[in-house]
Amino acid sequence: VGPRDHVVAVAELDDMAAAELGPLLRDTARVVETLC
């Protein structure tokens, strides 16, 4: 999982990207858990 914009640290994420990150990581983990 990575941001589309050039970002080198979680601390650099803007509010929108930070708000999207949690659900995206959860969904990605769900996919990985289901498949593997």
Full PDB file with SEQRES, HELIX, SHEET, SSBOND, CRYST1, ORIGX, SCALE, CONECT and MASTER records, all heavy atoms in Angstrom:
SEQRES   1 A   36  VAL GLY PRO ARG ASP HIS VAL VAL ALA VAL ALA GLU LEU          
SEQRES   2 A   36  ASP ASP MET ALA ALA ALA GLU LEU GLY PRO LEU LEU ARG          
SEQRES   3 A   36  ASP THR ALA ARG VAL VAL GLU THR LEU CYS                      
HELIX    1 AA1 VAL A   10  GLU A   12  5                                   3    
HELIX    2 AA2 ASP A   15  LEU A   35  1                                  21    
CRYST1    1.000    1.000    1.000  90.00  90.00  90.00 P 1           1          
ORIGX1      1.000000  0.000000  0.000000        0.00000                         
ORIGX2      0.000000  1.000000  0.000000        0.00000                         
ORIGX3      0.000000  0.000000  1.000000        0.00000                         
SCALE1      1.000000  0.000000  0.000000        0.00000                         
SCALE2      0.000000  1.000000  0.000000        0.00000                         
SCALE3      0.000000  0.000000  1.000000        0.00000                         
ATOM      1  N   VAL A   1       0.879  -1.165   0.000  1.00  0.00           N  
ATOM      2  CA  VAL A   1       0.000   0.000   0.000  1.00  0.00           C  
ATOM      3  C   VAL A   1       0.918   1.217   0.000  1.00  0.00           C  
ATOM      4  O   VAL A   1       1.865   1.276   0.793  1.00  0.00           O  
ATOM      5  CB  VAL A   1      -0.904   0.007   1.258  1.00  0.00           C  
ATOM      6  CG1 VAL A   1      -1.700   1.298   1.340  1.00  0.00           C  
ATOM      7  CG2 VAL A   1      -1.814  -1.217   1.270  1.00  0.00           C  
ATOM      8  N   GLY A   2       0.646   2.146  -0.884  1.00  0.00           N  
ATOM      9  CA  GLY A   2       1.463   3.353  -0.926  1.00  0.00           C  
ATOM     10  C   GLY A   2       0.664   4.518  -1.457  1.00  0.00           C  
ATOM     11  O   GLY A   2      -0.264   4.337  -2.240  1.00  0.00           O  
ATOM     12  N   PRO A   3       1.012   5.703  -1.032  1.00  0.00           N  
ATOM     13  CA  PRO A   3       0.304   6.890  -1.526  1.00  0.00           C  
ATOM     14  C   PRO A   3       0.643   7.165  -2.989  1.00  0.00           C  
ATOM     15  O   PRO A   3       1.737   6.835  -3.451  1.00  0.00           O  
ATOM     16  CB  PRO A   3       0.819   8.003  -0.624  1.00  0.00           C  
ATOM     17  CG  PRO A   3       2.137   7.530  -0.140  1.00  0.00           C  
ATOM     18  CD  PRO A   3       2.060   6.032  -0.084  1.00  0.00           C  
ATOM     19  N   ARG A   4      -0.314   7.742  -3.687  1.00  0.00           N  
ATOM     20  CA  ARG A   4      -0.066   8.125  -5.086  1.00  0.00           C  
ATOM     21  C   ARG A   4       0.911   9.296  -5.158  1.00  0.00           C  
ATOM     22  O   ARG A   4       1.757   9.352  -6.035  1.00  0.00           O  
ATOM     23  CB  ARG A   4      -1.376   8.502  -5.756  1.00  0.00           C  
ATOM     24  CG  ARG A   4      -2.249   7.313  -6.019  1.00  0.00           C  
ATOM     25  CD  ARG A   4      -3.487   7.704  -6.807  1.00  0.00           C  
ATOM     26  NE  ARG A   4      -4.288   6.529  -7.047  1.00  0.00           N  
ATOM     27  CZ  ARG A   4      -5.579   6.454  -6.818  1.00  0.00           C  
ATOM     28  NH1 ARG A   4      -6.236   7.504  -6.379  1.00  0.00           N  
ATOM     29  NH2 ARG A   4      -6.226   5.334  -7.051  1.00  0.00           N  
ATOM     30  N   ASP A   5       0.758  10.239  -4.229  1.00  0.00           N  
ATOM     31  CA  ASP A   5       1.666  11.385  -4.191  1.00  0.00           C  
ATOM     32  C   ASP A   5       2.982  10.961  -3.567  1.00  0.00           C  
ATOM     33  O   ASP A   5       3.042   9.992  -2.805  1.00  0.00           O  
ATOM     34  CB  ASP A   5       1.059  12.528  -3.362  1.00  0.00           C  
ATOM     35  CG  ASP A   5      -0.200  13.091  -4.006  1.00  0.00           C  
ATOM     36  OD1 ASP A   5      -0.327  13.013  -5.244  1.00  0.00           O  
ATOM     37  OD2 ASP A   5      -1.054  13.598  -3.255  1.00  0.00           O  
ATOM     38  N   HIS A   6       4.037  11.709  -3.874  1.00  0.00           N  
ATOM     39  CA  HIS A   6       5.339  11.396  -3.289  1.00  0.00           C  
ATOM     40  C   HIS A   6       5.339  11.789  -1.813  1.00  0.00           C  
ATOM     41  O   HIS A   6       5.272  12.973  -1.474  1.00  0.00           O  
ATOM     42  CB  HIS A   6       6.469  12.112  -4.024  1.00  0.00           C  
ATOM     43  CG  HIS A   6       7.804  11.819  -3.432  1.00  0.00           C  
ATOM     44  ND1 HIS A   6       8.367  10.564  -3.499  1.00  0.00           N  
ATOM     45  CD2 HIS A   6       8.648  12.587  -2.719  1.00  0.00           C  
ATOM     46  CE1 HIS A   6       9.530  10.589  -2.860  1.00  0.00           C  
ATOM     47  NE2 HIS A   6       9.718  11.808  -2.380  1.00  0.00           N  
ATOM     48  N   VAL A   7       5.385  10.782  -0.968  1.00  0.00           N  
ATOM     49  CA  VAL A   7       5.414  10.964   0.485  1.00  0.00           C  
ATOM     50  C   VAL A   7       6.446   9.974   1.017  1.00  0.00           C  
ATOM     51  O   VAL A   7       6.513   8.832   0.566  1.00  0.00           O  
ATOM     52  CB  VAL A   7       4.026  10.661   1.110  1.00  0.00           C  
ATOM     53  CG1 VAL A   7       4.061  10.722   2.610  1.00  0.00           C  
ATOM     54  CG2 VAL A   7       2.979  11.609   0.557  1.00  0.00           C  
ATOM     55  N   VAL A   8       7.254  10.399   1.982  1.00  0.00           N  
ATOM     56  CA  VAL A   8       8.286   9.503   2.506  1.00  0.00           C  
ATOM     57  C   VAL A   8       8.020   9.062   3.942  1.00  0.00           C  
ATOM     58  O   VAL A   8       8.762   8.242   4.478  1.00  0.00           O  
ATOM     59  CB  VAL A   8       9.699  10.131   2.397  1.00  0.00           C  
ATOM     60  CG1 VAL A   8      10.062  10.373   0.937  1.00  0.00           C  
ATOM     61  CG2 VAL A   8       9.813  11.387   3.232  1.00  0.00           C  
ATOM     62  N   ALA A   9       6.962   9.589   4.570  1.00  0.00           N  
ATOM     63  CA  ALA A   9       6.682   9.231   5.957  1.00  0.00           C  
ATOM     64  C   ALA A   9       5.192   9.395   6.247  1.00  0.00           C  
ATOM     65  O   ALA A   9       4.528  10.254   5.648  1.00  0.00           O  
ATOM     66  CB  ALA A   9       7.482  10.127   6.911  1.00  0.00           C  
ATOM     67  N   VAL A  10       4.682   8.592   7.153  1.00  0.00           N  
ATOM     68  CA  VAL A  10       3.289   8.706   7.568  1.00  0.00           C  
ATOM     69  C   VAL A  10       3.013  10.120   8.068  1.00  0.00           C  
ATOM     70  O   VAL A  10       1.945  10.690   7.825  1.00  0.00           O  
ATOM     71  CB  VAL A  10       2.951   7.645   8.646  1.00  0.00           C  
ATOM     72  CG1 VAL A  10       1.579   7.884   9.241  1.00  0.00           C  
ATOM     73  CG2 VAL A  10       3.054   6.239   8.058  1.00  0.00           C  
ATOM     74  N   ALA A  11       3.984  10.715   8.742  1.00  0.00           N  
ATOM     75  CA  ALA A  11       3.821  12.068   9.281  1.00  0.00           C  
ATOM     76  C   ALA A  11       3.561  13.110   8.192  1.00  0.00           C  
ATOM     77  O   ALA A  11       3.048  14.186   8.485  1.00  0.00           O  
ATOM     78  CB  ALA A  11       5.065  12.463  10.090  1.00  0.00           C  
ATOM     79  N   GLU A  12       3.880  12.807   6.951  1.00  0.00           N  
ATOM     80  CA  GLU A  12       3.673  13.746   5.847  1.00  0.00           C  
ATOM     81  C   GLU A  12       2.311  13.624   5.180  1.00  0.00           C  
ATOM     82  O   GLU A  12       1.975  14.424   4.312  1.00  0.00           O  
ATOM     83  CB  GLU A  12       4.749  13.548   4.780  1.00  0.00           C  
ATOM     84  CG  GLU A  12       6.122  13.960   5.219  1.00  0.00           C  
ATOM     85  CD  GLU A  12       7.143  13.819   4.105  1.00  0.00           C  
ATOM     86  OE1 GLU A  12       6.787  13.404   2.983  1.00  0.00           O  
ATOM     87  OE2 GLU A  12       8.312  14.137   4.370  1.00  0.00           O  
ATOM     88  N   LEU A  13       1.517  12.625   5.563  1.00  0.00           N  
ATOM     89  CA  LEU A  13       0.216  12.447   4.923  1.00  0.00           C  
ATOM     90  C   LEU A  13      -0.708  13.618   5.246  1.00  0.00           C  
ATOM     91  O   LEU A  13      -0.756  14.081   6.388  1.00  0.00           O  
ATOM     92  CB  LEU A  13      -0.442  11.149   5.404  1.00  0.00           C  
ATOM     93  CG  LEU A  13       0.257   9.853   5.016  1.00  0.00           C  
ATOM     94  CD1 LEU A  13      -0.404   8.676   5.717  1.00  0.00           C  
ATOM     95  CD2 LEU A  13       0.268   9.654   3.508  1.00  0.00           C  
ATOM     96  N   ASP A  14      -1.452  14.073   4.242  1.00  0.00           N  
ATOM     97  CA  ASP A  14      -2.447  15.104   4.528  1.00  0.00           C  
ATOM     98  C   ASP A  14      -3.647  14.439   5.210  1.00  0.00           C  
ATOM     99  O   ASP A  14      -3.710  13.212   5.330  1.00  0.00           O  
ATOM    100  CB  ASP A  14      -2.839  15.877   3.267  1.00  0.00           C  
ATOM    101  CG  ASP A  14      -3.539  15.037   2.206  1.00  0.00           C  
ATOM    102  OD1 ASP A  14      -4.222  14.042   2.540  1.00  0.00           O  
ATOM    103  OD2 ASP A  14      -3.409  15.383   1.017  1.00  0.00           O  
ATOM    104  N   ASP A  15      -4.593  15.260   5.670  1.00  0.00           N  
ATOM    105  CA  ASP A  15      -5.720  14.737   6.437  1.00  0.00           C  
ATOM    106  C   ASP A  15      -6.533  13.713   5.646  1.00  0.00           C  
ATOM    107  O   ASP A  15      -6.947  12.687   6.192  1.00  0.00           O  
ATOM    108  CB  ASP A  15      -6.629  15.872   6.909  1.00  0.00           C  
ATOM    109  CG  ASP A  15      -5.979  16.718   7.987  1.00  0.00           C  
ATOM    110  OD1 ASP A  15      -4.968  16.277   8.585  1.00  0.00           O  
ATOM    111  OD2 ASP A  15      -6.480  17.829   8.242  1.00  0.00           O  
ATOM    112  N   MET A  16      -6.754  13.977   4.378  1.00  0.00           N  
ATOM    113  CA  MET A  16      -7.552  13.062   3.566  1.00  0.00           C  
ATOM    114  C   MET A  16      -6.835  11.717   3.403  1.00  0.00           C  
ATOM    115  O   MET A  16      -7.435  10.658   3.564  1.00  0.00           O  
ATOM    116  CB  MET A  16      -7.871  13.651   2.196  1.00  0.00           C  
ATOM    117  CG  MET A  16      -8.759  12.725   1.363  1.00  0.00           C  
ATOM    118  SD  MET A  16      -9.155  13.380  -0.258  1.00  0.00           S  
ATOM    119  CE  MET A  16     -10.219  14.730   0.219  1.00  0.00           C  
ATOM    120  N   ALA A  17      -5.557  11.758   3.089  1.00  0.00           N  
ATOM    121  CA  ALA A  17      -4.797  10.517   2.919  1.00  0.00           C  
ATOM    122  C   ALA A  17      -4.729   9.738   4.231  1.00  0.00           C  
ATOM    123  O   ALA A  17      -4.861   8.514   4.239  1.00  0.00           O  
ATOM    124  CB  ALA A  17      -3.394  10.826   2.408  1.00  0.00           C  
ATOM    125  N   ALA A  18      -4.550  10.434   5.326  1.00  0.00           N  
ATOM    126  CA  ALA A  18      -4.500   9.769   6.637  1.00  0.00           C  
ATOM    127  C   ALA A  18      -5.835   9.107   6.963  1.00  0.00           C  
ATOM    128  O   ALA A  18      -5.880   7.987   7.476  1.00  0.00           O  
ATOM    129  CB  ALA A  18      -4.118  10.772   7.722  1.00  0.00           C  
ATOM    130  N   ALA A  19      -6.943   9.784   6.643  1.00  0.00           N  
ATOM    131  CA  ALA A  19      -8.270   9.233   6.906  1.00  0.00           C  
ATOM    132  C   ALA A  19      -8.549   8.004   6.039  1.00  0.00           C  
ATOM    133  O   ALA A  19      -9.255   7.084   6.459  1.00  0.00           O  
ATOM    134  CB  ALA A  19      -9.342  10.290   6.670  1.00  0.00           C  
ATOM    135  N   GLU A  20      -7.982   7.958   4.842  1.00  0.00           N  
ATOM    136  CA  GLU A  20      -8.177   6.822   3.937  1.00  0.00           C  
ATOM    137  C   GLU A  20      -7.281   5.637   4.294  1.00  0.00           C  
ATOM    138  O   GLU A  20      -7.602   4.497   3.983  1.00  0.00           O  
ATOM    139  CB  GLU A  20      -7.882   7.246   2.496  1.00  0.00           C  
ATOM    140  CG  GLU A  20      -8.874   8.223   1.932  1.00  0.00           C  
ATOM    141  CD  GLU A  20      -8.473   8.760   0.564  1.00  0.00           C  
ATOM    142  OE1 GLU A  20      -7.317   8.526   0.126  1.00  0.00           O  
ATOM    143  OE2 GLU A  20      -9.306   9.421  -0.064  1.00  0.00           O  
ATOM    144  N   LEU A  21      -6.167   5.899   4.950  1.00  0.00           N  
ATOM    145  CA  LEU A  21      -5.171   4.854   5.192  1.00  0.00           C  
ATOM    146  C   LEU A  21      -5.683   3.717   6.074  1.00  0.00           C  
ATOM    147  O   LEU A  21      -5.497   2.541   5.746  1.00  0.00           O  
ATOM    148  CB  LEU A  21      -3.904   5.458   5.795  1.00  0.00           C  
ATOM    149  CG  LEU A  21      -2.751   4.485   6.012  1.00  0.00           C  
ATOM    150  CD1 LEU A  21      -2.314   3.840   4.703  1.00  0.00           C  
ATOM    151  CD2 LEU A  21      -1.583   5.204   6.676  1.00  0.00           C  
ATOM    152  N   GLY A  22      -6.328   4.043   7.182  1.00  0.00           N  
ATOM    153  CA  GLY A  22      -6.798   2.993   8.096  1.00  0.00           C  
ATOM    154  C   GLY A  22      -7.730   2.003   7.428  1.00  0.00           C  
ATOM    155  O   GLY A  22      -7.479   0.788   7.445  1.00  0.00           O  
ATOM    156  N   PRO A  23      -8.821   2.465   6.810  1.00  0.00           N  
ATOM    157  CA  PRO A  23      -9.720   1.530   6.126  1.00  0.00           C  
ATOM    158  C   PRO A  23      -9.035   0.761   4.988  1.00  0.00           C  
ATOM    159  O   PRO A  23      -9.311  -0.423   4.782  1.00  0.00           O  
ATOM    160  CB  PRO A  23     -10.836   2.430   5.592  1.00  0.00           C  
ATOM    161  CG  PRO A  23     -10.851   3.594   6.534  1.00  0.00           C  
ATOM    162  CD  PRO A  23      -9.393   3.811   6.890  1.00  0.00           C  
ATOM    163  N   LEU A  24      -8.121   1.427   4.271  1.00  0.00           N  
ATOM    164  CA  LEU A  24      -7.420   0.744   3.188  1.00  0.00           C  
ATOM    165  C   LEU A  24      -6.524  -0.377   3.721  1.00  0.00           C  
ATOM    166  O   LEU A  24      -6.501  -1.484   3.173  1.00  0.00           O  
ATOM    167  CB  LEU A  24      -6.586   1.739   2.373  1.00  0.00           C  
ATOM    168  CG  LEU A  24      -5.773   1.138   1.226  1.00  0.00           C  
ATOM    169  CD1 LEU A  24      -6.668   0.403   0.233  1.00  0.00           C  
ATOM    170  CD2 LEU A  24      -4.973   2.233   0.538  1.00  0.00           C  
ATOM    171  N   LEU A  25      -5.800  -0.114   4.803  1.00  0.00           N  
ATOM    172  CA  LEU A  25      -4.966  -1.159   5.407  1.00  0.00           C  
ATOM    173  C   LEU A  25      -5.824  -2.301   5.934  1.00  0.00           C  
ATOM    174  O   LEU A  25      -5.488  -3.476   5.772  1.00  0.00           O  
ATOM    175  CB  LEU A  25      -4.097  -0.582   6.517  1.00  0.00           C  
ATOM    176  CG  LEU A  25      -2.946   0.306   6.057  1.00  0.00           C  
ATOM    177  CD1 LEU A  25      -2.244   0.917   7.261  1.00  0.00           C  
ATOM    178  CD2 LEU A  25      -1.970  -0.458   5.176  1.00  0.00           C  
ATOM    179  N   ARG A  26      -6.956  -1.965   6.572  1.00  0.00           N  
ATOM    180  CA  ARG A  26      -7.866  -3.002   7.062  1.00  0.00           C  
ATOM    181  C   ARG A  26      -8.360  -3.872   5.905  1.00  0.00           C  
ATOM    182  O   ARG A  26      -8.321  -5.095   5.978  1.00  0.00           O  
ATOM    183  CB  ARG A  26      -9.059  -2.357   7.777  1.00  0.00           C  
ATOM    184  CG  ARG A  26     -10.080  -3.386   8.275  1.00  0.00           C  
ATOM    185  CD  ARG A  26     -11.454  -2.802   8.486  1.00  0.00           C  
ATOM    186  NE  ARG A  26     -11.927  -2.180   7.269  1.00  0.00           N  
ATOM    187  CZ  ARG A  26     -12.675  -1.079   7.248  1.00  0.00           C  
ATOM    188  NH1 ARG A  26     -13.027  -0.483   8.367  1.00  0.00           N  
ATOM    189  NH2 ARG A  26     -13.076  -0.577   6.098  1.00  0.00           N  
ATOM    190  N   ASP A  27      -8.814  -3.238   4.834  1.00  0.00           N  
ATOM    191  CA  ASP A  27      -9.335  -3.998   3.697  1.00  0.00           C  
ATOM    192  C   ASP A  27      -8.249  -4.839   3.040  1.00  0.00           C  
ATOM    193  O   ASP A  27      -8.484  -5.986   2.638  1.00  0.00           O  
ATOM    194  CB  ASP A  27      -9.973  -3.055   2.676  1.00  0.00           C  
ATOM    195  CG  ASP A  27     -11.238  -2.394   3.191  1.00  0.00           C  
ATOM    196  OD1 ASP A  27     -11.770  -2.818   4.245  1.00  0.00           O  
ATOM    197  OD2 ASP A  27     -11.700  -1.423   2.540  1.00  0.00           O  
ATOM    198  N   THR A  28      -7.049  -4.291   2.940  1.00  0.00           N  
ATOM    199  CA  THR A  28      -5.931  -5.046   2.361  1.00  0.00           C  
ATOM    200  C   THR A  28      -5.605  -6.253   3.231  1.00  0.00           C  
ATOM    201  O   THR A  28      -5.394  -7.359   2.724  1.00  0.00           O  
ATOM    202  CB  THR A  28      -4.704  -4.139   2.188  1.00  0.00           C  
ATOM    203  OG1 THR A  28      -5.071  -3.007   1.389  1.00  0.00           O  
ATOM    204  CG2 THR A  28      -3.555  -4.880   1.524  1.00  0.00           C  
ATOM    205  N   ALA A  29      -5.584  -6.067   4.541  1.00  0.00           N  
ATOM    206  CA  ALA A  29      -5.334  -7.191   5.448  1.00  0.00           C  
ATOM    207  C   ALA A  29      -6.438  -8.229   5.330  1.00  0.00           C  
ATOM    208  O   ALA A  29      -6.165  -9.441   5.376  1.00  0.00           O  
ATOM    209  CB  ALA A  29      -5.206  -6.689   6.885  1.00  0.00           C  
ATOM    210  N   ARG A  30      -7.673  -7.804   5.163  1.00  0.00           N  
ATOM    211  CA  ARG A  30      -8.783  -8.757   4.986  1.00  0.00           C  
ATOM    212  C   ARG A  30      -8.602  -9.579   3.724  1.00  0.00           C  
ATOM    213  O   ARG A  30      -8.839 -10.787   3.715  1.00  0.00           O  
ATOM    214  CB  ARG A  30     -10.119  -8.016   4.939  1.00  0.00           C  
ATOM    215  CG  ARG A  30     -10.577  -7.525   6.285  1.00  0.00           C  
ATOM    216  CD  ARG A  30     -11.881  -6.760   6.175  1.00  0.00           C  
ATOM    217  NE  ARG A  30     -12.359  -6.385   7.505  1.00  0.00           N  
ATOM    218  CZ  ARG A  30     -13.325  -5.526   7.723  1.00  0.00           C  
ATOM    219  NH1 ARG A  30     -13.942  -4.935   6.705  1.00  0.00           N  
ATOM    220  NH2 ARG A  30     -13.696  -5.237   8.955  1.00  0.00           N  
ATOM    221  N   VAL A  31      -8.179  -8.935   2.647  1.00  0.00           N  
ATOM    222  CA  VAL A  31      -7.935  -9.656   1.398  1.00  0.00           C  
ATOM    223  C   VAL A  31      -6.812 -10.675   1.592  1.00  0.00           C  
ATOM    224  O   VAL A  31      -6.933 -11.844   1.212  1.00  0.00           O  
ATOM    225  CB  VAL A  31      -7.607  -8.668   0.248  1.00  0.00           C  
ATOM    226  CG1 VAL A  31      -7.044  -9.393  -0.963  1.00  0.00           C  
ATOM    227  CG2 VAL A  31      -8.860  -7.867  -0.123  1.00  0.00           C  
ATOM    228  N   VAL A  32      -5.714 -10.248   2.189  1.00  0.00           N  
ATOM    229  CA  VAL A  32      -4.572 -11.139   2.433  1.00  0.00           C  
ATOM    230  C   VAL A  32      -4.990 -12.311   3.319  1.00  0.00           C  
ATOM    231  O   VAL A  32      -4.659 -13.465   3.048  1.00  0.00           O  
ATOM    232  CB  VAL A  32      -3.394 -10.356   3.051  1.00  0.00           C  
ATOM    233  CG1 VAL A  32      -2.342 -11.279   3.637  1.00  0.00           C  
ATOM    234  CG2 VAL A  32      -2.774  -9.441   2.007  1.00  0.00           C  
ATOM    235  N   GLU A  33      -5.737 -12.019   4.377  1.00  0.00           N  
ATOM    236  CA  GLU A  33      -6.175 -13.084   5.293  1.00  0.00           C  
ATOM    237  C   GLU A  33      -7.094 -14.074   4.577  1.00  0.00           C  
ATOM    238  O   GLU A  33      -6.990 -15.280   4.770  1.00  0.00           O  
ATOM    239  CB  GLU A  33      -6.884 -12.483   6.508  1.00  0.00           C  
ATOM    240  CG  GLU A  33      -5.989 -11.611   7.352  1.00  0.00           C  
ATOM    241  CD  GLU A  33      -5.546 -12.253   8.644  1.00  0.00           C  
ATOM    242  OE1 GLU A  33      -6.193 -13.201   9.107  1.00  0.00           O  
ATOM    243  OE2 GLU A  33      -4.523 -11.791   9.193  1.00  0.00           O  
ATOM    244  N   THR A  34      -7.985 -13.579   3.748  1.00  0.00           N  
ATOM    245  CA  THR A  34      -8.905 -14.449   3.025  1.00  0.00           C  
ATOM    246  C   THR A  34      -8.166 -15.337   2.037  1.00  0.00           C  
ATOM    247  O   THR A  34      -8.441 -16.536   1.947  1.00  0.00           O  
ATOM    248  CB  THR A  34      -9.973 -13.603   2.292  1.00  0.00           C  
ATOM    249  OG1 THR A  34     -10.714 -12.861   3.262  1.00  0.00           O  
ATOM    250  CG2 THR A  34     -10.911 -14.469   1.484  1.00  0.00           C  
ATOM    251  N   LEU A  35      -7.236 -14.760   1.302  1.00  0.00           N  
ATOM    252  CA  LEU A  35      -6.534 -15.522   0.267  1.00  0.00           C  
ATOM    253  C   LEU A  35      -5.480 -16.475   0.815  1.00  0.00           C  
ATOM    254  O   LEU A  35      -5.250 -17.538   0.254  1.00  0.00           O  
ATOM    255  CB  LEU A  35      -5.877 -14.569  -0.734  1.00  0.00           C  
ATOM    256  CG  LEU A  35      -6.825 -13.754  -1.596  1.00  0.00           C  
ATOM    257  CD1 LEU A  35      -6.038 -12.814  -2.486  1.00  0.00           C  
ATOM    258  CD2 LEU A  35      -7.714 -14.666  -2.434  1.00  0.00           C  
ATOM    259  N   CYS A  36      -4.822 -16.097   1.897  1.00  0.00           N  
ATOM    260  CA  CYS A  36      -3.645 -16.848   2.352  1.00  0.00           C  
ATOM    261  C   CYS A  36      -3.856 -17.623   3.645  1.00  0.00           C  
ATOM    262  O   CYS A  36      -3.063 -18.507   3.952  1.00  0.00           O  
ATOM    263  CB  CYS A  36      -2.461 -15.902   2.515  1.00  0.00           C  
ATOM    264  SG  CYS A  36      -2.046 -15.023   1.000  1.00  0.00           S  
TER     265      CYS A  36                                                      
MASTER        0    0    0    2    0    0    0    6  264    1    0    3          
END                                                                             
